[in-house]
Structures are given as structure tokens and as C-alpha cells.
Amino acid sequence: MKRNLLIILIITSGVFGADQIEPSEDQKTDIFKKEGELVILKCDYDTSSENVFLYWYRQYPNRALQYLLRRGARRESNSHTSDSRFSSTASRSSTELTVRELRLADTALYYCALRVGAQ
């Protein structure tokens, strides 16, 4: 029997006042999926920097943030993930986190974060 999962996407802002990141317009509500399915979370970002690093975290109730993935964008293209079920793509203005083979333990708050390097 497959159980329903609740995934909530939340954001954190960029490092500088002009840099920003937020959930895509179509993902500003709770997301419900079933175990074994795939989910794609998307955030849009804006920065004038070419040195862009995008991060994904999740948080369980009353727990610290848990690192999931780092993805370079624009000038940087490297990536690192803590679990092979997580992957990410990035464009000049957005990033997606794909979680494959969902588990009940994936029910959490998900955060996207933006870090920019010096020009």
C-alpha cells in the first residue's frame, strides 16, 4: 500500500540585497505525492553575478537543516549531492531539484538557496 507524502517548498534569500531566489509561481503550495513516485521542485532566481551556486536543503520538524545538493550555474557547472536519488538542473534563472523513488522519510520542508561569488 502506497502512502501519501507531503512536500513543502520554502525559500531562503540570496546573499546580497539585489540577489533573490523564490519558488516558481506554480509551486507556492503544498505538494502531495505517493511513495515510489518522482517529484520536481523548482525555484527561480535573479542575480547579476556569473558565479552562481544553488543549494537545496530539507528540514524535518524541530530539526536542523539537512544538506541535499549543491549545483553550479552560469559560469560554474559542477554539482555535489548527498544521495543519488537527488539530482538538479539549472538555467540562467531557475533551478530544479528532482527526488526519485520518494520515501515517507522525504516528507519535509524543502529550501532552495542562492550563493553568489565575487565577479
Protein backbone atom coordinates (compact mmCIF):
# COMPACT_ATOMS: atom_id res chain seq x y z
CA MET A 1 0.00 0.00 0.00
CA LYS A 2 1.45 3.34 -1.03
CA ARG A 3 1.25 6.18 1.47
CA ASN A 4 0.87 9.84 0.61
CA LEU A 5 3.79 12.21 1.16
CA LEU A 6 3.60 15.92 1.82
CA ILE A 7 6.43 18.04 0.47
CA ILE A 8 6.51 21.74 1.20
CA LEU A 9 8.85 24.07 -0.69
CA ILE A 10 10.15 27.10 1.16
CA ILE A 11 12.87 29.53 0.19
CA THR A 12 15.76 31.44 1.61
CA SER A 13 17.05 34.59 0.00
CA GLY A 14 20.34 35.27 -1.73
CA VAL A 15 23.40 36.72 -0.09
CA PHE A 16 23.09 40.30 -1.34
CA GLY A 17 20.05 42.59 -1.46
CA ALA A 18 19.81 42.51 -5.27
CA ASP A 19 20.09 38.71 -5.43
CA GLN A 20 16.96 36.71 -4.84
CA ILE A 21 15.53 33.22 -5.08
CA GLU A 22 11.96 32.01 -4.63
CA PRO A 23 9.72 29.07 -5.51
CA SER A 24 8.36 29.13 -9.04
CA GLU A 25 4.87 30.58 -9.26
CA ASP A 26 3.29 27.15 -9.81
CA GLN A 27 4.96 25.69 -6.68
CA LYS A 28 3.83 28.03 -3.93
CA THR A 29 1.51 25.42 -2.43
CA ASP A 30 1.97 22.07 -0.73
CA ILE A 31 2.85 19.15 -2.97
CA PHE A 32 1.35 15.71 -2.41
CA LYS A 33 2.92 12.58 -3.90
CA LYS A 34 2.97 8.85 -3.20
CA GLU A 35 5.85 6.61 -2.19
CA GLY A 36 7.88 5.47 -5.17
CA GLU A 37 6.91 8.46 -7.30
CA LEU A 38 9.13 11.28 -8.51
CA VAL A 39 8.81 14.95 -7.58
CA ILE A 40 10.39 18.03 -9.17
CA LEU A 41 10.72 21.19 -7.11
CA LYS A 42 11.58 24.44 -8.88
CA CYS A 43 12.91 27.83 -7.78
CA ASP A 44 13.51 30.94 -9.84
CA TYR A 45 16.45 33.20 -9.06
CA ASP A 46 17.79 36.56 -10.12
CA THR A 47 21.35 37.82 -9.82
CA SER A 48 23.78 39.84 -11.89
CA SER A 49 26.66 37.56 -10.88
CA GLU A 50 28.08 34.94 -13.22
CA ASN A 51 29.44 32.91 -10.26
CA VAL A 52 26.24 31.24 -9.08
CA PHE A 53 25.86 28.35 -6.65
CA LEU A 54 22.43 26.88 -5.89
CA TYR A 55 21.74 24.77 -2.83
CA TRP A 56 18.90 22.52 -1.74
CA TYR A 57 18.15 21.59 1.86
CA ARG A 58 15.31 19.95 3.72
CA GLN A 59 14.12 20.26 7.28
CA TYR A 60 12.16 17.91 9.46
CA PRO A 61 10.02 19.36 12.29
CA ASN A 62 12.16 20.66 15.18
CA ARG A 63 15.38 19.63 13.41
CA ALA A 64 18.30 21.45 11.78
CA LEU A 65 18.52 21.91 8.03
CA GLN A 66 19.85 18.88 6.14
CA TYR A 67 22.09 19.48 3.11
CA LEU A 68 20.89 17.73 -0.03
CA LEU A 69 22.65 19.17 -3.03
CA ARG A 70 24.85 21.94 -4.45
CA ARG A 71 24.70 22.93 -8.12
CA GLY A 72 26.81 25.44 -10.02
CA ALA A 73 25.10 27.59 -12.62
CA ARG A 74 26.16 30.06 -15.31
CA ARG A 75 29.98 30.09 -15.14
CA GLU A 76 30.11 27.18 -12.68
CA SER A 77 28.66 23.80 -13.68
CA ASN A 78 29.81 21.35 -11.02
CA SER A 79 27.45 19.62 -8.62
CA HIS A 80 27.51 17.56 -5.43
CA THR A 81 24.74 15.55 -3.82
CA SER A 82 24.37 13.66 -0.55
CA ASP A 83 22.11 10.95 -2.07
CA SER A 84 21.92 9.62 -5.63
CA ARG A 85 18.10 9.92 -5.55
CA PHE A 86 18.56 13.72 -5.67
CA SER A 87 19.57 15.50 -8.86
CA SER A 88 19.40 19.05 -10.07
CA THR A 89 19.38 21.11 -13.22
CA ALA A 90 19.97 24.84 -13.53
CA SER A 91 19.45 27.52 -16.12
CA ARG A 92 20.37 31.21 -16.05
CA SER A 93 17.27 31.95 -13.98
CA SER A 94 15.95 28.77 -12.37
CA THR A 95 16.89 25.52 -10.69
CA GLU A 96 15.05 22.24 -10.25
CA LEU A 97 15.50 19.53 -7.65
CA THR A 98 14.36 16.07 -8.70
CA VAL A 99 13.75 13.49 -5.98
CA ARG A 100 13.32 9.96 -7.31
CA GLU A 101 11.77 6.95 -5.59
CA LEU A 102 10.08 9.01 -2.89
CA ARG A 103 10.02 7.59 0.61
CA LEU A 104 7.86 8.53 3.56
CA ALA A 105 11.04 9.96 5.12
CA ASP A 106 11.13 12.56 2.31
CA THR A 107 8.16 14.34 3.88
CA ALA A 108 9.72 17.64 4.95
CA LEU A 109 10.14 21.33 4.23
CA TYR A 110 12.44 21.91 1.26
CA TYR A 111 14.59 25.02 0.87
CA CYS A 112 16.40 26.42 -2.14
CA ALA A 113 19.25 28.84 -1.52
CA LEU A 114 21.41 31.07 -3.69
CA ARG A 115 25.07 31.95 -3.16
CA VAL A 116 27.00 34.18 -5.50
CA GLY A 117 30.74 34.58 -5.76
CA ALA A 118 32.79 37.67 -6.46
CA GLN A 119 32.92 38.80 -10.08
